[in-house]
Structures are given as C-alpha cells and as structure tokens.
Amino acid sequence: MHRLISLSLTGLLACGPVLSVQAASKPLALDRVHIVDLEAGRSGEAQCVRIEQGRIARIASAGSRACRRGATVVALDGRYL
C-alpha cells in the first residue's frame, strides 16, 4: 500500500514541471468570477481575470473577448477570487 502511494506521488511530481511549462506558455482566463476586495470587505460583479506567465495581466468585464482571446478559459460561475 505504501509503495502504491509513493509511486502515485512520484507520478504527480513528475507531471509538475510539464504542467507549469504548459501553463506559462498559454494564458489563462478565469471568466465570470467575483473578485473579493478584502480591504473593503465586499465582492463586485462577475469579471474575467486574464493570467499570463503566472501574473494577472488584465481584469475585464465577464465574457470579454479581449480577456478570453487565445487563452484557456475556465468558467467560474458563482465562484470567488
């Protein structure tokens, strides 16, 4: 049993660099997500957050074509960031 778990973890760790390289090469658009303003203690309307090379590159209206263009789009209806 322990051997199976360690092999599974080794397999996941081996995939890590591939996933991070893949994520860095293509932008990610988190669409229809509510952004929480921790300082004000509230959340706004749904928006699209574009992430490029691990950093937020743009925040736009939900469904924005400019935010989604060429990115892997993840619809996060009703979720918070």
Protein backbone atom coordinates (compact mmCIF):
# COMPACT_ATOMS: atom_id res chain seq x y z
CA MET A 1 0.00 0.00 0.00
CA HIS A 2 2.75 2.49 0.93
CA ARG A 3 4.60 1.62 -2.26
CA LEU A 4 1.49 2.40 -4.33
CA ILE A 5 1.07 5.78 -2.62
CA SER A 6 4.72 6.70 -3.11
CA LEU A 7 4.55 5.71 -6.79
CA SER A 8 1.42 7.83 -7.21
CA LEU A 9 3.10 10.83 -5.59
CA THR A 10 6.18 10.33 -7.73
CA GLY A 11 3.99 10.32 -10.83
CA LEU A 12 2.30 13.56 -9.75
CA LEU A 13 5.62 15.23 -9.01
CA ALA A 14 6.95 14.17 -12.40
CA CYS A 15 3.99 15.89 -14.10
CA GLY A 16 4.50 19.14 -12.17
CA PRO A 17 7.17 20.71 -14.42
CA VAL A 18 5.22 19.80 -17.54
CA LEU A 19 2.05 21.43 -16.17
CA SER A 20 3.83 24.62 -15.13
CA VAL A 21 5.57 24.95 -18.51
CA GLN A 22 2.25 24.38 -20.25
CA ALA A 23 0.51 26.94 -18.04
CA ALA A 24 3.24 29.52 -18.63
CA SER A 25 3.05 29.19 -22.42
CA LYS A 26 -0.71 29.80 -22.79
CA PRO A 27 -2.72 32.50 -20.99
CA LEU A 28 -5.50 31.51 -18.60
CA ALA A 29 -8.83 33.36 -18.44
CA LEU A 30 -10.89 32.94 -15.28
CA ASP A 31 -14.28 34.06 -16.57
CA ARG A 32 -17.38 35.04 -14.61
CA VAL A 33 -15.51 35.12 -11.29
CA HIS A 34 -16.36 37.52 -8.45
CA ILE A 35 -13.29 39.35 -7.13
CA VAL A 36 -13.30 39.87 -3.36
CA ASP A 37 -11.93 43.20 -2.12
CA LEU A 38 -10.56 42.24 1.29
CA GLU A 39 -9.88 45.82 2.35
CA ALA A 40 -13.43 46.98 1.60
CA GLY A 41 -14.99 43.68 2.73
CA ARG A 42 -17.13 43.16 -0.36
CA SER A 43 -17.18 41.48 -3.76
CA GLY A 44 -18.05 43.01 -7.09
CA GLU A 45 -19.91 41.80 -10.14
CA ALA A 46 -18.62 38.85 -12.15
CA GLN A 47 -15.50 39.63 -14.19
CA CYS A 48 -12.86 37.98 -16.35
CA VAL A 49 -9.30 37.73 -14.99
CA ARG A 50 -6.54 37.00 -17.52
CA ILE A 51 -3.35 35.41 -16.21
CA GLU A 52 -0.18 35.43 -18.31
CA GLN A 53 3.13 33.94 -17.16
CA GLY A 54 1.78 33.48 -13.64
CA ARG A 55 0.66 37.10 -13.20
CA ILE A 56 -2.64 38.92 -13.56
CA ALA A 57 -2.44 40.69 -16.91
CA ARG A 58 -5.98 42.05 -17.21
CA ILE A 59 -9.28 42.34 -15.38
CA ALA A 60 -12.25 42.94 -17.69
CA SER A 61 -16.00 42.50 -17.86
CA ALA A 62 -17.26 38.92 -17.71
CA GLY A 63 -17.24 37.37 -21.17
CA SER A 64 -14.81 39.96 -22.56
CA ARG A 65 -13.40 38.77 -25.88
CA ALA A 66 -10.11 40.57 -25.25
CA CYS A 67 -9.71 38.74 -21.93
CA ARG A 68 -10.59 35.32 -23.37
CA ARG A 69 -8.78 35.57 -26.75
CA GLY A 70 -6.13 32.87 -27.15
CA ALA A 71 -6.45 31.71 -23.55
CA THR A 72 -7.59 28.56 -21.83
CA VAL A 73 -10.96 29.71 -20.47
CA VAL A 74 -12.27 28.44 -17.15
CA ALA A 75 -15.88 29.40 -16.39
CA LEU A 76 -16.17 30.04 -12.67
CA ASP A 77 -19.84 30.96 -12.32
CA GLY A 78 -20.60 31.94 -8.75
CA ARG A 79 -17.03 31.41 -7.53
CA TYR A 80 -14.84 33.96 -5.77
CA LEU A 81 -11.24 35.06 -6.21
